[in-house]
């Protein structure tokens, strides 16, 4: 999505220090989205959130609870307003929790960029380009490519976005060749 700078999966909403996938404590699996509010609004992101999952399903564990974390009173207001709209639209209770943002703990590297990790060539290319696994998973390019592989946008849109990321034409061409070989 234009305006999304980077994404990262991890854990939040609980009290346990330094949770891990196998020792979450009372945290939930979450995603952190860094975005440019000049290009995409918080409201647009929340609208995608509601469209992207079924909020009327009761979570079977805290790990998979539906949550919106807010950073300001305005974000809280928007989240609560859209939750009410989602309930009215669905005609059912929405189980999404709306809570203040707390410490976000990034998930282990092997959990980051799920769709990219299915393609060894992409992992190798991006790890080389960004000097390591941890660096590539935090890159804007990886966020854009992972989103594309997850079914969002066209290859042409992705190519145009990559051109705006200070990547050389040769690197973009190599990534596009790898993506053409990848099935979505």
C-alpha atoms as a PDB file:
ATOM      1  CA  UNK A   1       0.000   0.000   0.000  1.00  0.00           C
ATOM      2  CA  UNK A   2       1.330   3.388  -0.905  1.00  0.00           C
ATOM      3  CA  UNK A   3       2.358   5.166   2.278  1.00  0.00           C
ATOM      4  CA  UNK A   4       3.279   2.025   4.203  1.00  0.00           C
ATOM      5  CA  UNK A   5       6.966   2.298   4.951  1.00  0.00           C
ATOM      6  CA  UNK A   6       7.610  -0.971   6.764  1.00  0.00           C
ATOM      7  CA  UNK A   7       5.849  -3.715   8.636  1.00  0.00           C
ATOM      8  CA  UNK A   8       6.970  -6.110  11.303  1.00  0.00           C
ATOM      9  CA  UNK A   9       5.234  -8.988  13.026  1.00  0.00           C
ATOM     10  CA  UNK A  10       5.598  -9.460  16.739  1.00  0.00           C
ATOM     11  CA  UNK A  11       3.927  -9.594  20.104  1.00  0.00           C
ATOM     12  CA  UNK A  12       2.124  -6.946  22.159  1.00  0.00           C
ATOM     13  CA  UNK A  13      -0.726  -6.340  24.542  1.00  0.00           C
ATOM     14  CA  UNK A  14       0.614  -8.289  27.476  1.00  0.00           C
ATOM     15  CA  UNK A  15       2.899  -7.873  30.450  1.00  0.00           C
ATOM     16  CA  UNK A  16       5.581 -10.550  29.907  1.00  0.00           C
ATOM     17  CA  UNK A  17       9.002  -9.099  29.137  1.00  0.00           C
ATOM     18  CA  UNK A  18      10.667 -10.306  25.930  1.00  0.00           C
ATOM     19  CA  UNK A  19       8.055 -12.821  24.773  1.00  0.00           C
ATOM     20  CA  UNK A  20       8.869 -15.397  22.114  1.00  0.00           C
ATOM     21  CA  UNK A  21       6.691 -17.525  19.880  1.00  0.00           C
ATOM     22  CA  UNK A  22       7.001 -20.462  22.273  1.00  0.00           C
ATOM     23  CA  UNK A  23       6.707 -18.334  25.407  1.00  0.00           C
ATOM     24  CA  UNK A  24       4.178 -15.576  24.686  1.00  0.00           C
ATOM     25  CA  UNK A  25       2.784 -15.116  28.143  1.00  0.00           C
ATOM     26  CA  UNK A  26      -0.313 -12.923  27.879  1.00  0.00           C
ATOM     27  CA  UNK A  27       0.689 -11.229  24.588  1.00  0.00           C
ATOM     28  CA  UNK A  28      -1.034 -11.534  21.220  1.00  0.00           C
ATOM     29  CA  UNK A  29       0.544 -11.925  17.811  1.00  0.00           C
ATOM     30  CA  UNK A  30       0.445  -8.510  16.180  1.00  0.00           C
ATOM     31  CA  UNK A  31       1.770  -6.437  13.333  1.00  0.00           C
ATOM     32  CA  UNK A  32       3.458  -3.072  13.634  1.00  0.00           C
ATOM     33  CA  UNK A  33       2.920  -0.747  10.689  1.00  0.00           C
ATOM     34  CA  UNK A  34       5.097   2.288  10.116  1.00  0.00           C
ATOM     35  CA  UNK A  35       3.365   4.640   7.700  1.00  0.00           C
ATOM     36  CA  UNK A  36       3.578   8.105   6.188  1.00  0.00           C
ATOM     37  CA  UNK A  37       0.398   9.968   7.246  1.00  0.00           C
ATOM     38  CA  UNK A  38       0.834  12.280   4.259  1.00  0.00           C
ATOM     39  CA  UNK A  39       0.216   9.306   1.954  1.00  0.00           C
ATOM     40  CA  UNK A  40      -2.075   6.999   3.937  1.00  0.00           C
ATOM     41  CA  UNK A  41      -4.252   7.828   6.905  1.00  0.00           C
ATOM     42  CA  UNK A  42      -4.753   5.910  10.097  1.00  0.00           C
ATOM     43  CA  UNK A  43      -8.416   5.628   9.116  1.00  0.00           C
ATOM     44  CA  UNK A  44      -7.480   3.964   5.812  1.00  0.00           C
ATOM     45  CA  UNK A  45      -5.350   1.445   7.677  1.00  0.00           C
ATOM     46  CA  UNK A  46      -8.181   0.698  10.122  1.00  0.00           C
ATOM     47  CA  UNK A  47     -10.599   0.222   7.219  1.00  0.00           C
ATOM     48  CA  UNK A  48      -8.247  -2.377   5.742  1.00  0.00           C
ATOM     49  CA  UNK A  49      -7.985  -4.020   9.154  1.00  0.00           C
ATOM     50  CA  UNK A  50     -11.761  -4.502   9.317  1.00  0.00           C
ATOM     51  CA  UNK A  51     -11.890  -5.794   5.731  1.00  0.00           C
ATOM     52  CA  UNK A  52      -9.012  -8.235   6.250  1.00  0.00           C
ATOM     53  CA  UNK A  53     -10.381 -10.504   8.949  1.00  0.00           C
ATOM     54  CA  UNK A  54     -13.542 -11.732  10.642  1.00  0.00           C
ATOM     55  CA  UNK A  55     -13.876  -9.681  13.850  1.00  0.00           C
ATOM     56  CA  UNK A  56     -17.076 -11.422  14.968  1.00  0.00           C
ATOM     57  CA  UNK A  57     -15.266 -14.674  15.678  1.00  0.00           C
ATOM     58  CA  UNK A  58     -14.379 -15.125  19.328  1.00  0.00           C
ATOM     59  CA  UNK A  59     -10.636 -15.831  19.604  1.00  0.00           C
ATOM     60  CA  UNK A  60      -9.834 -19.294  20.892  1.00  0.00           C
ATOM     61  CA  UNK A  61      -6.740 -17.980  22.682  1.00  0.00           C
ATOM     62  CA  UNK A  62      -5.090 -14.711  23.699  1.00  0.00           C
ATOM     63  CA  UNK A  63      -2.365 -15.412  21.141  1.00  0.00           C
ATOM     64  CA  UNK A  64      -4.804 -14.894  18.265  1.00  0.00           C
ATOM     65  CA  UNK A  65      -7.012 -12.144  19.695  1.00  0.00           C
ATOM     66  CA  UNK A  66      -8.112  -9.326  17.384  1.00  0.00           C
ATOM     67  CA  UNK A  67      -6.745  -6.022  18.688  1.00  0.00           C
ATOM     68  CA  UNK A  68      -6.230  -2.439  17.664  1.00  0.00           C
ATOM     69  CA  UNK A  69      -3.500  -0.588  19.537  1.00  0.00           C
ATOM     70  CA  UNK A  70      -3.858   3.186  19.610  1.00  0.00           C
ATOM     71  CA  UNK A  71      -1.220   5.846  20.214  1.00  0.00           C
ATOM     72  CA  UNK A  72      -3.470   8.875  20.742  1.00  0.00           C
ATOM     73  CA  UNK A  73      -6.982   9.837  21.797  1.00  0.00           C
ATOM     74  CA  UNK A  74      -7.832  10.525  18.148  1.00  0.00           C
ATOM     75  CA  UNK A  75      -6.729   7.026  17.102  1.00  0.00           C
ATOM     76  CA  UNK A  76      -8.759   5.563  19.963  1.00  0.00           C
ATOM     77  CA  UNK A  77     -11.833   7.521  18.866  1.00  0.00           C
ATOM     78  CA  UNK A  78     -11.469   6.335  15.259  1.00  0.00           C
ATOM     79  CA  UNK A  79     -10.954   2.729  16.333  1.00  0.00           C
ATOM     80  CA  UNK A  80     -14.036   2.773  18.574  1.00  0.00           C
ATOM     81  CA  UNK A  81     -16.133   4.493  15.899  1.00  0.00           C
ATOM     82  CA  UNK A  82     -15.164   1.980  13.221  1.00  0.00           C
ATOM     83  CA  UNK A  83     -15.747  -0.912  15.621  1.00  0.00           C
ATOM     84  CA  UNK A  84     -19.298   0.315  16.164  1.00  0.00           C
ATOM     85  CA  UNK A  85     -19.725   0.578  12.390  1.00  0.00           C
ATOM     86  CA  UNK A  86     -18.408  -2.960  11.918  1.00  0.00           C
ATOM     87  CA  UNK A  87     -20.881  -4.282  14.507  1.00  0.00           C
ATOM     88  CA  UNK A  88     -23.767  -2.467  12.805  1.00  0.00           C
ATOM     89  CA  UNK A  89     -22.720  -3.739   9.365  1.00  0.00           C
ATOM     90  CA  UNK A  90     -22.288  -7.339  10.523  1.00  0.00           C
ATOM     91  CA  UNK A  91     -25.236  -7.325  12.903  1.00  0.00           C
ATOM     92  CA  UNK A  92     -23.093  -9.187  15.443  1.00  0.00           C
ATOM     93  CA  UNK A  93     -20.790  -8.516  18.362  1.00  0.00           C
ATOM     94  CA  UNK A  94     -17.249  -7.620  17.331  1.00  0.00           C
ATOM     95  CA  UNK A  95     -14.632  -9.111  19.663  1.00  0.00           C
ATOM     96  CA  UNK A  96     -11.794  -6.794  18.672  1.00  0.00           C
ATOM     97  CA  UNK A  97     -10.152  -5.168  21.687  1.00  0.00           C
ATOM     98  CA  UNK A  98      -9.094  -1.524  21.466  1.00  0.00           C
ATOM     99  CA  UNK A  99      -6.241  -0.861  23.878  1.00  0.00           C
ATOM    100  CA  UNK A 100      -3.391   1.617  24.361  1.00  0.00           C
ATOM    101  CA  UNK A 101      -0.197   0.749  22.529  1.00  0.00           C
ATOM    102  CA  UNK A 102       2.436  -0.725  24.792  1.00  0.00           C
ATOM    103  CA  UNK A 103       5.830  -2.233  24.144  1.00  0.00           C
ATOM    104  CA  UNK A 104       5.986  -4.027  20.812  1.00  0.00           C
ATOM    105  CA  UNK A 105       8.329  -7.006  20.751  1.00  0.00           C
ATOM    106  CA  UNK A 106       9.440  -8.042  17.255  1.00  0.00           C
ATOM    107  CA  UNK A 107       8.951 -11.726  16.510  1.00  0.00           C
ATOM    108  CA  UNK A 108      11.914 -13.903  15.732  1.00  0.00           C
ATOM    109  CA  UNK A 109      13.530 -13.310  12.326  1.00  0.00           C
ATOM    110  CA  UNK A 110      12.178 -16.540  10.881  1.00  0.00           C
ATOM    111  CA  UNK A 111       8.618 -15.223  11.405  1.00  0.00           C
ATOM    112  CA  UNK A 112       9.249 -11.980   9.519  1.00  0.00           C
ATOM    113  CA  UNK A 113       8.174 -11.571   5.861  1.00  0.00           C
ATOM    114  CA  UNK A 114       6.280 -14.849   5.630  1.00  0.00           C
ATOM    115  CA  UNK A 115       5.570 -14.680   1.903  1.00  0.00           C
ATOM    116  CA  UNK A 116       9.131 -13.774   0.928  1.00  0.00           C
ATOM    117  CA  UNK A 117      10.519 -16.671   2.977  1.00  0.00           C
ATOM    118  CA  UNK A 118       8.804 -19.112   0.625  1.00  0.00           C
ATOM    119  CA  UNK A 119      11.295 -18.083  -2.088  1.00  0.00           C
ATOM    120  CA  UNK A 120      14.961 -18.742  -1.313  1.00  0.00           C
ATOM    121  CA  UNK A 121      16.131 -16.574  -4.217  1.00  0.00           C
ATOM    122  CA  UNK A 122      14.322 -13.539  -2.842  1.00  0.00           C
ATOM    123  CA  UNK A 123      15.620 -14.125   0.678  1.00  0.00           C
ATOM    124  CA  UNK A 124      19.170 -14.388  -0.653  1.00  0.00           C
ATOM    125  CA  UNK A 125      18.846 -11.300  -2.864  1.00  0.00           C
ATOM    126  CA  UNK A 126      17.343  -9.137  -0.135  1.00  0.00           C
ATOM    127  CA  UNK A 127      19.716 -10.421   2.569  1.00  0.00           C
ATOM    128  CA  UNK A 128      22.667  -9.548   0.328  1.00  0.00           C
ATOM    129  CA  UNK A 129      21.240  -6.150  -0.574  1.00  0.00           C
ATOM    130  CA  UNK A 130      20.475  -5.208   3.026  1.00  0.00           C
ATOM    131  CA  UNK A 131      23.483  -6.859   4.707  1.00  0.00           C
ATOM    132  CA  UNK A 132      21.705  -9.560   6.625  1.00  0.00           C
ATOM    133  CA  UNK A 133      18.442 -11.161   7.553  1.00  0.00           C
ATOM    134  CA  UNK A 134      17.432  -8.689  10.265  1.00  0.00           C
ATOM    135  CA  UNK A 135      18.105  -5.681   8.052  1.00  0.00           C
ATOM    136  CA  UNK A 136      16.178  -6.913   5.044  1.00  0.00           C
ATOM    137  CA  UNK A 137      13.086  -7.731   7.105  1.00  0.00           C
ATOM    138  CA  UNK A 138      12.992  -4.107   8.284  1.00  0.00           C
ATOM    139  CA  UNK A 139      13.338  -2.663   4.789  1.00  0.00           C
ATOM    140  CA  UNK A 140      10.581  -0.887   2.909  1.00  0.00           C
ATOM    141  CA  UNK A 141      11.385  -2.999  -0.162  1.00  0.00           C
ATOM    142  CA  UNK A 142      10.716  -6.203   1.790  1.00  0.00           C
ATOM    143  CA  UNK A 143       7.405  -4.798   3.077  1.00  0.00           C
ATOM    144  CA  UNK A 144       6.330  -3.942  -0.475  1.00  0.00           C
ATOM    145  CA  UNK A 145       7.441  -7.297  -1.933  1.00  0.00           C
ATOM    146  CA  UNK A 146       5.864  -9.293   0.890  1.00  0.00           C
ATOM    147  CA  UNK A 147       2.606  -7.412   0.372  1.00  0.00           C
ATOM    148  CA  UNK A 148       2.665  -8.147  -3.344  1.00  0.00           C
ATOM    149  CA  UNK A 149       3.327 -11.849  -2.738  1.00  0.00           C
ATOM    150  CA  UNK A 150       0.429 -11.811  -0.263  1.00  0.00           C
ATOM    151  CA  UNK A 151      -1.895 -10.827  -3.114  1.00  0.00           C
ATOM    152  CA  UNK A 152      -1.891  -7.048  -2.868  1.00  0.00           C
ATOM    153  CA  UNK A 153      -1.315  -4.965  -5.975  1.00  0.00           C
ATOM    154  CA  UNK A 154       0.082  -5.722  -9.399  1.00  0.00           C
ATOM    155  CA  UNK A 155       3.641  -6.446 -10.457  1.00  0.00           C
ATOM    156  CA  UNK A 156       3.685  -3.140 -12.363  1.00  0.00           C
ATOM    157  CA  UNK A 157       2.607  -1.226  -9.232  1.00  0.00           C
ATOM    158  CA  UNK A 158       5.322  -2.962  -7.222  1.00  0.00           C
ATOM    159  CA  UNK A 159       7.952  -2.169  -9.839  1.00  0.00           C
ATOM    160  CA  UNK A 160       6.995   1.525  -9.685  1.00  0.00           C
ATOM    161  CA  UNK A 161       7.159   1.493  -5.883  1.00  0.00           C
ATOM    162  CA  UNK A 162      10.586  -0.157  -5.932  1.00  0.00           C
ATOM    163  CA  UNK A 163      11.862   2.588  -8.267  1.00  0.00           C
ATOM    164  CA  UNK A 164      11.150   5.110  -5.495  1.00  0.00           C
ATOM    165  CA  UNK A 165      13.322   3.257  -2.952  1.00  0.00           C
ATOM    166  CA  UNK A 166      16.809   4.111  -4.162  1.00  0.00           C
ATOM    167  CA  UNK A 167      17.336   0.633  -5.576  1.00  0.00           C
ATOM    168  CA  UNK A 168      19.448   0.371  -8.700  1.00  0.00           C
ATOM    169  CA  UNK A 169      17.705  -0.638 -11.940  1.00  0.00           C
ATOM    170  CA  UNK A 170      19.791  -3.853 -11.932  1.00  0.00           C
ATOM    171  CA  UNK A 171      18.551  -4.812  -8.444  1.00  0.00           C
ATOM    172  CA  UNK A 172      14.947  -4.029  -9.371  1.00  0.00           C
ATOM    173  CA  UNK A 173      15.283  -6.150 -12.533  1.00  0.00           C
ATOM    174  CA  UNK A 174      16.677  -9.094 -10.504  1.00  0.00           C
ATOM    175  CA  UNK A 175      13.824  -8.822  -8.001  1.00  0.00           C
ATOM    176  CA  UNK A 176      11.221  -8.634 -10.784  1.00  0.00           C
ATOM    177  CA  UNK A 177      12.721 -11.714 -12.489  1.00  0.00           C
ATOM    178  CA  UNK A 178      12.518 -13.598  -9.186  1.00  0.00           C
ATOM    179  CA  UNK A 179       8.930 -12.449  -8.653  1.00  0.00           C
ATOM    180  CA  UNK A 180       7.879 -13.494 -12.141  1.00  0.00           C
ATOM    181  CA  UNK A 181       8.986 -17.005 -11.189  1.00  0.00           C
ATOM    182  CA  UNK A 182       7.001 -16.875  -7.968  1.00  0.00           C
ATOM    183  CA  UNK A 183       3.351 -17.811  -7.950  1.00  0.00           C
ATOM    184  CA  UNK A 184       0.934 -15.868  -5.755  1.00  0.00           C
END
